[in-house]
N, C-alpha and C. Protein backbone atom coordinates (compact mmCIF):
# COMPACT_ATOMS: atom_id res chain seq x y z
N MET A 1 39.17 52.63 152.72
CA MET A 1 39.92 53.83 153.03
C MET A 1 39.44 54.60 153.69
N PRO A 2 39.69 54.93 154.77
CA PRO A 2 39.43 56.32 155.06
C PRO A 2 39.99 57.64 154.22
N TYR A 3 39.53 58.62 153.95
CA TYR A 3 40.40 59.58 153.54
C TYR A 3 41.35 60.52 154.78
N PRO A 4 42.72 60.92 154.51
CA PRO A 4 43.79 60.90 155.35
C PRO A 4 43.07 62.74 155.63
N SER A 5 42.99 63.61 157.23
CA SER A 5 42.90 64.34 157.84
C SER A 5 42.46 65.81 157.25
N ASP A 6 43.37 65.49 156.26
CA ASP A 6 43.58 67.05 155.67
C ASP A 6 43.06 66.99 153.84
N HIS A 7 41.98 65.85 154.09
CA HIS A 7 41.51 65.58 152.16
C HIS A 7 40.54 66.72 151.99
N LYS A 8 39.39 66.94 152.94
CA LYS A 8 38.93 68.06 152.84
C LYS A 8 39.23 69.28 152.68
N GLN A 9 40.16 69.78 153.31
CA GLN A 9 40.64 70.90 152.92
C GLN A 9 41.72 71.38 151.85
N LYS A 10 42.25 69.92 150.91
CA LYS A 10 42.84 69.97 150.06
C LYS A 10 41.79 70.66 148.92
N THR A 11 40.72 69.37 149.16
CA THR A 11 40.23 69.67 148.08
C THR A 11 38.77 71.17 147.98
N ARG A 12 38.86 71.57 148.84
CA ARG A 12 38.63 72.52 149.47
C ARG A 12 39.47 73.63 148.07
N GLN A 13 40.67 73.56 148.75
CA GLN A 13 42.06 74.72 147.59
C GLN A 13 41.77 74.38 146.23
N ARG A 14 41.45 72.88 146.24
CA ARG A 14 41.89 73.08 144.28
C ARG A 14 40.24 73.75 144.04
N ILE A 15 39.66 73.55 144.14
CA ILE A 15 38.15 74.37 143.90
C ILE A 15 38.40 75.61 144.39
N VAL A 16 39.15 75.58 144.65
CA VAL A 16 39.36 77.90 144.77
C VAL A 16 40.08 77.97 144.27
N GLU A 17 41.74 77.35 143.64
CA GLU A 17 42.02 77.47 142.60
C GLU A 17 42.08 77.37 141.12
N ALA A 18 40.95 76.35 141.15
CA ALA A 18 40.32 76.56 139.61
C ALA A 18 39.52 77.22 139.29
N ALA A 19 38.61 77.40 140.52
CA ALA A 19 38.10 79.05 140.11
C ALA A 19 38.82 80.29 140.04
N ARG A 20 39.34 80.25 140.48
CA ARG A 20 40.53 81.33 140.47
C ARG A 20 40.71 81.55 139.04
N VAL A 21 41.67 80.62 138.44
CA VAL A 21 41.83 80.50 136.93
C VAL A 21 41.12 81.01 136.05
N MET A 22 39.78 80.08 136.37
CA MET A 22 38.71 80.53 135.34
C MET A 22 38.39 81.38 135.37
N PHE A 23 37.88 81.83 136.94
CA PHE A 23 37.98 83.41 136.37
C PHE A 23 38.98 84.87 136.02
N ASN A 24 40.14 83.89 135.71
CA ASN A 24 40.67 84.87 135.74
C ASN A 24 40.45 84.81 133.72
N ARG A 25 40.15 83.57 133.36
CA ARG A 25 40.66 83.67 131.70
C ARG A 25 38.77 83.92 131.38
N ARG A 26 38.04 83.61 132.08
CA ARG A 26 36.49 84.39 131.32
C ARG A 26 35.52 84.95 132.41
N GLY A 27 35.88 85.32 133.20
CA GLY A 27 34.91 86.55 134.09
C GLY A 27 34.04 85.66 134.92
N TYR A 28 33.42 86.29 136.08
CA TYR A 28 32.76 84.89 136.98
C TYR A 28 31.71 84.42 135.90
N ASP A 29 30.81 85.71 135.82
CA ASP A 29 29.73 85.52 134.66
C ASP A 29 29.39 84.66 133.57
N GLN A 30 30.46 84.35 133.16
CA GLN A 30 30.83 82.36 132.34
C GLN A 30 31.13 81.88 132.82
N VAL A 31 31.79 81.18 133.59
CA VAL A 31 32.19 80.55 134.58
C VAL A 31 31.00 80.07 135.24
N SER A 32 30.71 78.46 134.73
CA SER A 32 29.72 77.81 135.91
C SER A 32 29.86 77.23 136.97
N ILE A 33 29.43 76.48 137.92
CA ILE A 33 29.76 75.74 138.79
C ILE A 33 30.18 74.39 138.29
N ASP A 34 29.81 74.11 137.80
CA ASP A 34 29.93 72.82 137.22
C ASP A 34 31.42 72.73 136.12
N GLU A 35 31.74 74.03 135.59
CA GLU A 35 32.52 73.61 135.19
C GLU A 35 33.94 73.88 135.70
N ILE A 36 33.59 74.67 137.15
CA ILE A 36 34.62 75.01 137.88
C ILE A 36 35.22 73.42 138.53
N MET A 37 34.36 72.47 139.21
CA MET A 37 34.38 71.49 139.47
C MET A 37 34.81 70.73 138.89
N ALA A 38 34.93 70.55 137.44
CA ALA A 38 35.43 69.96 136.20
C ALA A 38 36.71 70.25 136.10
N GLU A 39 37.00 71.38 136.28
CA GLU A 39 38.01 71.94 135.91
C GLU A 39 39.38 71.39 137.66
N ALA A 40 38.67 71.65 138.77
CA ALA A 40 38.96 70.44 139.84
C ALA A 40 39.44 69.04 139.81
N GLN A 41 38.48 68.57 138.67
CA GLN A 41 38.40 67.14 138.53
C GLN A 41 37.65 66.36 139.77
N LEU A 42 36.40 66.80 139.57
CA LEU A 42 35.75 67.06 140.89
C LEU A 42 34.11 66.43 140.31
N THR A 43 33.34 66.35 140.75
CA THR A 43 31.65 66.28 140.36
C THR A 43 31.04 67.94 141.42
N ARG A 44 29.91 67.74 140.27
CA ARG A 44 28.80 69.31 140.83
C ARG A 44 28.74 68.86 142.73
N GLY A 45 28.34 67.38 142.74
CA GLY A 45 27.91 67.55 143.92
C GLY A 45 28.83 67.31 144.99
N GLY A 46 30.15 67.76 145.09
CA GLY A 46 30.64 68.15 146.43
C GLY A 46 30.99 70.04 146.69
N PHE A 47 30.13 70.51 145.38
CA PHE A 47 30.57 71.81 145.56
C PHE A 47 29.78 72.10 146.97
N TYR A 48 28.84 71.87 147.30
CA TYR A 48 27.96 72.40 148.83
C TYR A 48 28.17 71.74 149.82
N ALA A 49 29.26 70.28 149.78
CA ALA A 49 29.84 70.24 151.15
C ALA A 49 31.00 71.96 151.26
N HIS A 50 31.39 72.48 150.15
CA HIS A 50 32.67 72.93 150.89
C HIS A 50 31.99 74.74 151.09
N PHE A 51 31.15 75.46 149.89
CA PHE A 51 30.70 76.67 149.67
C PHE A 51 29.10 76.44 149.19
N ARG A 52 28.34 78.18 149.88
CA ARG A 52 26.75 78.02 150.42
C ARG A 52 26.75 78.65 148.75
N SER A 53 27.57 79.35 147.73
CA SER A 53 27.11 80.14 146.76
C SER A 53 28.48 79.85 145.85
N LYS A 54 27.71 79.90 144.51
CA LYS A 54 29.85 80.41 143.65
C LYS A 54 30.06 81.88 144.43
N GLU A 55 29.01 82.91 144.76
CA GLU A 55 29.49 84.53 144.72
C GLU A 55 30.32 83.86 146.44
N GLU A 56 30.08 83.01 147.56
CA GLU A 56 31.25 82.91 148.22
C GLU A 56 32.72 82.22 147.82
N LEU A 57 32.36 81.38 146.62
CA LEU A 57 33.28 80.89 146.11
C LEU A 57 34.41 82.20 145.27
N PHE A 58 33.52 82.87 145.02
CA PHE A 58 34.59 84.27 144.23
C PHE A 58 35.17 84.97 145.23
N ALA A 59 34.12 85.08 146.45
CA ALA A 59 35.16 85.85 147.48
C ALA A 59 36.62 84.93 147.92
N GLU A 60 36.71 83.73 147.72
CA GLU A 60 37.95 83.16 148.94
C GLU A 60 38.30 83.47 147.51
N ALA A 61 38.30 82.79 146.08
CA ALA A 61 39.25 82.89 145.01
C ALA A 61 39.54 84.27 144.77
N THR A 62 39.48 85.20 145.33
CA THR A 62 40.04 86.64 145.06
C THR A 62 40.98 86.72 146.27
N ILE A 63 40.60 86.68 147.31
CA ILE A 63 41.84 86.61 148.74
C ILE A 63 42.60 85.77 148.72
N SER A 64 42.46 84.48 148.08
CA SER A 64 43.47 83.13 148.35
C SER A 64 44.10 83.84 147.42
N PHE A 65 44.68 84.93 146.12
CA PHE A 65 45.93 84.96 145.68
C PHE A 65 46.90 85.71 146.51
N LEU A 66 45.82 86.46 147.79
CA LEU A 66 47.75 86.68 149.02
C LEU A 66 48.27 85.48 149.29
N GLY A 67 47.62 84.59 149.63
CA GLY A 67 49.06 83.29 150.30
C GLY A 67 49.49 82.40 148.83
N GLY A 68 48.21 82.08 148.39
CA GLY A 68 49.19 81.02 146.62
C GLY A 68 49.61 81.24 145.67
N ARG A 69 49.00 81.82 144.30
CA ARG A 69 49.48 82.46 143.21
C ARG A 69 50.68 83.94 143.64
N GLY A 70 49.75 84.37 144.26
CA GLY A 70 50.76 86.02 144.94
C GLY A 70 51.73 85.62 145.54
N ALA A 71 52.12 84.88 146.41
CA ALA A 71 53.12 84.16 147.79
C ALA A 71 54.11 83.99 146.40
N GLU A 72 53.68 82.97 145.71
CA GLU A 72 54.52 82.54 144.66
C GLU A 72 55.51 83.57 143.66
N TRP A 73 54.69 84.50 143.05
CA TRP A 73 55.14 85.68 142.76
C TRP A 73 55.62 86.75 143.02
N ARG A 74 55.78 87.05 144.13
CA ARG A 74 56.72 87.51 144.93
C ARG A 74 58.26 87.31 145.30
N ARG A 75 57.82 85.93 145.81
CA ARG A 75 59.05 85.32 146.11
C ARG A 75 59.64 85.78 144.50
N GLU A 76 59.75 84.53 143.34
CA GLU A 76 59.71 84.75 141.83
C GLU A 76 60.60 86.30 141.50
N ALA A 77 59.93 87.52 142.27
CA ALA A 77 59.93 88.82 141.91
C ALA A 77 61.41 89.15 143.05
N GLY A 78 61.40 88.65 143.80
CA GLY A 78 62.45 89.14 144.89
C GLY A 78 61.92 89.68 146.12
N ILE A 79 60.36 89.79 146.31
CA ILE A 79 59.78 90.38 147.52
C ILE A 79 59.69 90.05 148.58
N ASN A 80 60.44 90.62 149.39
CA ASN A 80 60.23 90.12 150.61
C ASN A 80 59.29 90.18 152.09
N PRO A 81 57.54 90.07 152.03
CA PRO A 81 56.73 91.49 152.86
C PRO A 81 57.40 91.76 153.75
N ALA A 82 57.52 90.27 154.62
CA ALA A 82 58.04 91.11 156.31
C ALA A 82 59.60 91.78 156.16
N VAL A 83 60.60 92.13 155.37
CA VAL A 83 61.07 93.10 155.44
C VAL A 83 60.87 94.32 155.65
N ARG A 84 61.14 95.34 156.14
CA ARG A 84 60.96 96.57 155.70
C ARG A 84 62.37 96.98 154.68
N GLU A 85 62.28 97.14 153.16
CA GLU A 85 63.46 97.60 152.45
C GLU A 85 62.62 98.34 151.46
N ALA A 86 63.56 99.37 150.74
CA ALA A 86 62.95 100.20 150.00
C ALA A 86 63.01 99.36 148.47
N LEU A 87 64.01 98.58 148.14
CA LEU A 87 63.81 98.15 147.15
C LEU A 87 62.54 96.57 146.92
N ASN A 88 61.85 96.75 147.96
CA ASN A 88 60.66 95.58 147.80
C ASN A 88 59.43 96.10 147.09
N ALA A 89 59.63 97.58 147.38
CA ALA A 89 58.51 98.37 146.48
C ALA A 89 58.81 98.20 145.12
N ARG A 90 60.25 99.03 144.65
CA ARG A 90 60.67 99.68 143.20
C ARG A 90 60.36 98.17 142.64
N ARG A 91 60.93 96.20 143.01
CA ARG A 91 60.79 95.17 142.61
C ARG A 91 58.91 95.14 142.26
N MET A 92 58.05 95.21 143.33
CA MET A 92 56.99 95.14 142.96
C MET A 92 56.30 96.21 141.46
N VAL A 93 57.02 96.98 142.14
CA VAL A 93 56.04 98.30 140.14
C VAL A 93 57.06 97.11 139.08
N ASP A 94 57.92 96.73 138.96
CA ASP A 94 58.59 96.52 138.15
C ASP A 94 58.18 94.63 137.92
N ALA A 95 57.55 94.10 139.02
CA ALA A 95 56.80 92.77 138.67
C ALA A 95 55.42 92.98 137.95
N TYR A 96 54.49 94.21 138.83
CA TYR A 96 53.52 94.43 138.68
C TYR A 96 53.26 94.52 136.97
N LEU A 97 53.98 95.46 136.88
CA LEU A 97 53.27 96.56 135.61
C LEU A 97 54.23 95.56 134.33
N SER A 98 55.41 94.26 134.81
CA SER A 98 55.83 93.82 132.86
C SER A 98 55.30 93.24 132.12
N ARG A 99 55.31 92.69 131.45
CA ARG A 99 54.96 92.21 130.24
C ARG A 99 54.37 90.91 130.30
N GLU A 100 55.63 90.23 130.99
CA GLU A 100 54.91 88.90 131.79
C GLU A 100 54.18 88.71 132.36
N HIS A 101 53.77 89.24 133.44
CA HIS A 101 52.62 89.75 134.51
C HIS A 101 51.27 90.03 133.44
N LEU A 102 51.70 90.48 132.21
CA LEU A 102 50.15 90.90 131.77
C LEU A 102 49.95 89.76 130.92
N GLU A 103 50.92 89.32 130.17
CA GLU A 103 50.66 87.43 129.73
C GLU A 103 50.56 86.43 130.47
N ASP A 104 49.81 86.39 131.80
CA ASP A 104 49.89 85.89 132.67
C ASP A 104 48.83 85.64 133.62
N ASN A 105 47.63 85.11 132.30
CA ASN A 105 46.11 85.24 132.00
C ASN A 105 45.93 84.09 133.63
N ASP A 106 46.53 83.30 133.67
CA ASP A 106 45.98 82.42 134.69
C ASP A 106 46.22 82.93 136.13
N GLY A 107 47.69 83.67 135.97
CA GLY A 107 48.29 83.70 137.30
C GLY A 107 48.20 85.53 137.39
N GLN A 108 47.52 85.74 136.64
CA GLN A 108 47.21 87.44 137.34
C GLN A 108 46.80 87.56 138.44
N CYS A 109 47.04 89.12 138.93
CA CYS A 109 46.15 88.94 140.54
C CYS A 109 44.68 89.58 140.14
N PRO A 110 44.17 89.31 140.81
CA PRO A 110 42.71 89.91 140.49
C PRO A 110 42.15 91.03 141.00
N LEU A 111 43.04 92.00 140.95
CA LEU A 111 42.81 93.36 141.39
C LEU A 111 42.75 93.54 140.10
N ILE A 112 43.67 93.42 139.13
CA ILE A 112 43.35 93.65 137.29
C ILE A 112 42.30 92.53 136.83
N ALA A 113 42.50 91.34 137.25
CA ALA A 113 41.51 90.20 136.27
C ALA A 113 39.77 90.67 136.90
N TYR A 114 39.50 90.80 138.62
CA TYR A 114 37.78 91.12 138.52
C TYR A 114 37.67 91.74 138.75
N ALA A 115 38.04 93.36 138.15
CA ALA A 115 37.65 94.41 138.92
C ALA A 115 36.07 95.12 138.51
N THR A 116 35.37 94.38 137.18
CA THR A 116 34.56 94.72 136.60
C THR A 116 33.51 93.52 137.67
N ASP A 117 33.69 92.86 137.99
CA ASP A 117 32.94 91.82 138.20
C ASP A 117 32.55 91.81 139.76
N VAL A 118 34.10 92.26 139.79
CA VAL A 118 33.82 92.66 141.93
C VAL A 118 32.53 93.99 142.20
N ALA A 119 33.23 95.00 140.83
CA ALA A 119 32.20 96.20 141.26
C ALA A 119 30.81 95.88 140.89
N ARG A 120 29.97 94.69 140.62
CA ARG A 120 28.38 93.96 140.03
C ARG A 120 28.91 92.77 142.18
N ALA A 121 29.21 92.58 142.57
CA ALA A 121 29.50 91.73 143.65
C ALA A 121 28.66 92.33 144.74
N GLY A 122 28.16 91.42 145.74
CA GLY A 122 28.01 91.69 146.63
C GLY A 122 29.23 92.11 147.52
N PRO A 123 28.94 92.48 149.16
CA PRO A 123 29.80 92.57 149.62
C PRO A 123 30.86 91.93 150.04
N GLN A 124 30.43 90.55 150.40
CA GLN A 124 31.56 90.00 150.86
C GLN A 124 32.91 89.67 149.73
N VAL A 125 32.83 89.47 148.36
CA VAL A 125 33.20 89.46 147.36
C VAL A 125 34.09 91.31 147.49
N ARG A 126 33.36 92.05 147.85
CA ARG A 126 33.99 93.54 148.00
C ARG A 126 35.05 93.81 149.01
N GLN A 127 34.58 93.17 149.98
CA GLN A 127 35.30 92.79 150.58
C GLN A 127 37.10 92.25 150.64
N SER A 128 36.19 91.29 150.08
CA SER A 128 37.88 90.54 149.62
C SER A 128 39.02 91.08 149.01
N TYR A 129 38.09 92.01 147.78
CA TYR A 129 39.34 92.67 146.76
C TYR A 129 39.77 93.72 147.60
N GLN A 130 39.06 94.67 148.61
CA GLN A 130 39.31 95.41 149.36
C GLN A 130 41.03 95.04 149.91
N ARG A 131 40.34 94.11 150.85
CA ARG A 131 41.77 92.85 151.72
C ARG A 131 43.50 93.11 150.76
N LEU A 132 43.06 92.87 149.65
CA LEU A 132 43.95 92.38 148.16
C LEU A 132 44.62 93.82 147.83
N ALA A 133 43.74 95.36 147.84
CA ALA A 133 44.29 96.05 147.55
C ALA A 133 45.08 96.95 149.06
N GLU A 134 44.15 96.16 149.86
CA GLU A 134 45.32 97.18 151.06
C GLU A 134 46.36 96.34 151.65
N ALA A 135 46.92 95.07 150.96
CA ALA A 135 47.29 94.56 151.34
C ALA A 135 49.00 95.17 150.03
N MET A 136 48.60 95.50 149.12
CA MET A 136 49.53 95.89 147.99
C MET A 136 49.58 97.40 148.60
N THR A 137 48.41 98.23 148.86
CA THR A 137 49.16 99.38 149.23
C THR A 137 49.56 99.00 150.73
N GLY A 138 49.25 98.53 151.83
CA GLY A 138 50.72 98.22 152.57
C GLY A 138 52.07 98.14 152.57
N LEU A 139 51.88 96.98 151.58
CA LEU A 139 53.49 96.85 151.11
C LEU A 139 54.20 97.77 150.60
N PHE A 140 53.49 98.63 149.90
CA PHE A 140 54.06 100.12 149.45
C PHE A 140 54.21 100.94 150.55
N GLU A 141 53.48 101.09 151.54
CA GLU A 141 53.66 102.28 152.13
C GLU A 141 54.63 101.16 153.33
N MET A 142 55.10 100.68 153.51
CA MET A 142 55.82 99.66 154.52
C MET A 142 57.20 100.09 153.99
N ASN A 143 57.69 100.69 152.96
CA ASN A 143 59.09 100.48 152.08
C ASN A 143 58.96 101.57 151.62
N LEU A 144 58.30 102.91 152.35
CA LEU A 144 58.28 103.93 152.01
C LEU A 144 58.99 104.71 153.11
N ASP A 145 59.67 105.88 152.94
CA ASP A 145 59.98 106.17 153.70
C ASP A 145 59.29 107.92 153.58
N GLY A 146 59.43 108.79 154.77
CA GLY A 146 58.71 109.85 154.83
C GLY A 146 57.35 109.39 155.90
N GLU A 147 56.98 111.45 156.47
CA GLU A 147 55.37 111.45 156.60
C GLU A 147 54.76 109.90 156.87
N GLU A 148 54.02 109.76 157.69
CA GLU A 148 52.97 108.89 157.74
C GLU A 148 52.11 108.61 156.55
N ASP A 149 51.80 110.10 156.71
CA ASP A 149 50.54 110.93 155.84
C ASP A 149 51.02 110.73 154.60
N GLU A 150 52.31 111.26 154.37
CA GLU A 150 53.08 111.36 153.22
C GLU A 150 53.09 109.71 152.20
N ARG A 151 53.23 108.77 153.07
CA ARG A 151 53.68 107.75 152.81
C ARG A 151 52.54 106.63 152.38
N ARG A 152 51.53 107.12 153.09
CA ARG A 152 50.27 106.47 152.85
C ARG A 152 49.70 106.68 151.35
N ARG A 153 49.56 108.49 151.01
CA ARG A 153 49.77 108.70 149.62
C ARG A 153 50.38 108.45 148.53
N ARG A 154 51.59 108.23 149.07
CA ARG A 154 52.13 107.38 147.82
C ARG A 154 52.08 106.01 147.46
N ALA A 155 51.72 105.74 148.51
CA ALA A 155 51.34 104.27 148.68
C ALA A 155 50.17 104.05 147.68
N LEU A 156 49.29 105.01 147.98
CA LEU A 156 47.33 104.65 147.31
C LEU A 156 47.95 105.12 145.65
N SER A 157 48.50 105.97 145.47
CA SER A 157 49.24 106.30 144.19
C SER A 157 49.71 105.01 143.41
N MET A 158 50.54 104.78 143.58
CA MET A 158 51.67 103.59 143.10
C MET A 158 50.67 102.36 143.11
N THR A 159 49.73 102.44 144.06
CA THR A 159 48.55 101.05 143.73
C THR A 159 47.67 101.50 142.62
N ALA A 160 47.60 102.97 142.36
CA ALA A 160 46.41 102.91 141.57
C ALA A 160 47.09 102.85 140.11
N LEU A 161 48.07 103.24 140.44
CA LEU A 161 49.17 103.24 139.12
C LEU A 161 49.20 102.08 138.42
N CYS A 162 49.56 100.65 139.38
CA CYS A 162 49.71 99.51 138.56
C CYS A 162 48.58 99.06 138.93
N VAL A 163 47.28 99.10 138.89
CA VAL A 163 46.28 97.87 138.83
C VAL A 163 45.31 99.27 138.12
N GLY A 164 45.35 100.01 137.65
CA GLY A 164 44.52 101.09 136.86
C GLY A 164 45.37 100.67 135.38
N GLY A 165 47.22 100.56 135.31
CA GLY A 165 47.94 100.24 133.97
C GLY A 165 47.80 99.44 133.67
N MET A 166 47.60 98.70 134.52
CA MET A 166 47.28 96.76 133.70
C MET A 166 45.72 96.66 133.18
N ILE A 167 44.95 97.22 134.54
CA ILE A 167 43.92 96.71 134.14
C ILE A 167 43.20 97.40 132.39
N LEU A 168 43.76 98.59 131.91
CA LEU A 168 43.80 98.84 131.04
C LEU A 168 44.62 98.81 129.49
N SER A 169 45.88 98.03 130.20
CA SER A 169 46.75 97.51 129.17
C SER A 169 46.19 96.30 129.04
N ARG A 170 45.00 95.65 129.54
CA ARG A 170 44.86 94.17 129.72
C ARG A 170 43.48 94.42 128.34
N ALA A 171 43.13 95.47 129.02
CA ALA A 171 41.96 95.78 127.52
C ALA A 171 42.13 96.08 126.86
N LEU A 172 43.36 96.65 126.30
CA LEU A 172 43.61 97.15 124.77
C LEU A 172 45.40 96.01 124.77
N LYS A 173 44.61 95.47 125.01
CA LYS A 173 46.33 93.81 124.67
C LYS A 173 46.68 94.23 123.09
N ASP A 174 48.00 94.12 123.08
CA ASP A 174 48.28 94.14 122.07
C ASP A 174 48.24 95.25 120.77
N THR A 175 47.72 96.14 121.51
CA THR A 175 48.09 97.69 120.89
C THR A 175 48.98 98.21 121.60
N HIS A 176 49.08 99.48 120.23
CA HIS A 176 50.32 100.63 120.69
C HIS A 176 50.29 101.41 122.62
N ILE A 177 48.62 101.58 122.18
CA ILE A 177 48.12 102.71 123.11
C ILE A 177 48.12 101.76 124.59
N GLY A 178 47.58 100.15 124.63
CA GLY A 178 48.11 99.91 126.01
C GLY A 178 49.47 99.42 126.41
N GLU A 179 50.29 99.10 125.38
CA GLU A 179 52.05 99.69 126.09
C GLU A 179 52.29 100.25 126.66
N ASP A 180 51.99 102.02 125.66
CA ASP A 180 52.04 102.86 126.34
C ASP A 180 52.03 103.10 127.02
N ILE A 181 50.82 102.72 127.60
CA ILE A 181 50.08 103.57 129.28
C ILE A 181 50.60 102.55 130.06
N ARG A 182 51.30 100.76 129.46
CA ARG A 182 51.36 100.05 131.07
C ARG A 182 52.95 101.00 131.26
N ALA A 183 53.54 101.43 129.79
CA ALA A 183 55.23 101.83 130.45
C ALA A 183 54.97 103.00 130.87
N ALA A 184 53.85 103.78 130.48
CA ALA A 184 54.26 105.29 131.45
C ALA A 184 53.32 104.92 132.99
N ALA A 185 52.37 104.13 133.26
CA ALA A 185 52.39 103.79 134.75
C ALA A 185 53.82 103.57 135.16
N HIS A 186 54.36 102.63 134.42
CA HIS A 186 55.66 102.53 134.95
C HIS A 186 56.11 103.10 135.32
N GLN A 187 56.83 104.40 134.40
CA GLN A 187 57.63 105.12 134.93
C GLN A 187 56.69 106.28 136.18
N ALA A 188 55.48 106.55 136.03
CA ALA A 188 55.02 106.84 136.99
C ALA A 188 55.20 107.08 138.52
N ALA A 189 54.84 105.35 138.69
CA ALA A 189 55.02 104.68 139.61
C ALA A 189 56.48 104.25 140.42
N THR A 190 57.45 104.34 139.06
CA THR A 190 59.02 104.53 139.55
C THR A 190 59.32 105.75 139.95
N ASP A 191 58.54 106.89 140.09
CA ASP A 191 59.11 108.73 139.95
C ASP A 191 58.66 108.71 140.92
N ILE A 192 57.18 108.08 141.72
CA ILE A 192 56.93 107.98 143.06
C ILE A 192 57.82 107.20 144.21
N TRP A 193 57.89 105.95 143.76
CA TRP A 193 59.27 105.56 144.97
C TRP A 193 60.43 106.23 144.70
N HIS A 194 61.10 106.16 143.41
CA HIS A 194 62.28 107.59 143.83
C HIS A 194 62.18 108.67 144.28
N ASP A 195 60.77 109.30 144.72
CA ASP A 195 61.07 110.27 145.14
C ASP A 195 60.97 110.08 146.67
N GLY A 196 59.88 108.58 147.13
CA GLY A 196 59.94 108.54 148.58
C GLY A 196 61.90 108.25 148.88
N ALA A 197 61.88 107.55 148.09
CA ALA A 197 63.42 106.97 148.29
C ALA A 197 65.06 107.72 148.32
N ALA A 198 64.06 109.41 147.77
CA ALA A 198 65.20 110.53 147.89
C ALA A 198 65.14 111.22 149.37
N VAL A 199 63.63 110.82 149.87
CA VAL A 199 63.28 111.56 151.46
C VAL A 199 63.95 110.63 152.45
N ALA A 200 64.82 109.86 151.96
CA ALA A 200 65.41 108.55 153.26
C ALA A 200 66.97 108.99 152.99
N ALA A 201 66.79 109.33 151.88
CA ALA A 201 68.41 109.96 151.50
C ALA A 201 68.64 111.77 152.11
N GLU A 202 67.76 112.37 152.11
CA GLU A 202 68.15 113.56 152.47
C GLU A 202 68.60 113.98 154.41
């Protein structure tokens, strides 16, 4: 019996999702192609029908978050990227810097989980990571008020606080300072959001 027409695409998606989760758990260097394919319940021989290298898979696993787990995460948080609404930015801050996000190792945003690995990776991976950072910043920027340059500055600051706060909180998980950093980043990002919302009210 022949495979369905979408079989190859679905198989590729299984590999990408398995890789995304395993890179989240253990990092790029500590995960082999054999382990990724086993996680996807496939044999190693099928890998090269979809990807030329592990790094190519890493790039796709990074950007896949936007339309995969990230899309689910935004829906759960009540964020609608298609609608311009100040609360979208506030909900993003609240959800991103939440304890639930910190504890969700498998579903955690690659901006947090892959930062060190990406810094050592090639241009294809860095480009995917950049697109993810731009998407997050763009969501903030679209839902803030004020002049264009000011919106951009606030959005970049909120992205830096969200991602940087969570990277440190993840590294210092279950310590007082880790929790304090996450809480302080949340408060600072909320203050920036509030300042942007105040502009609209003037």
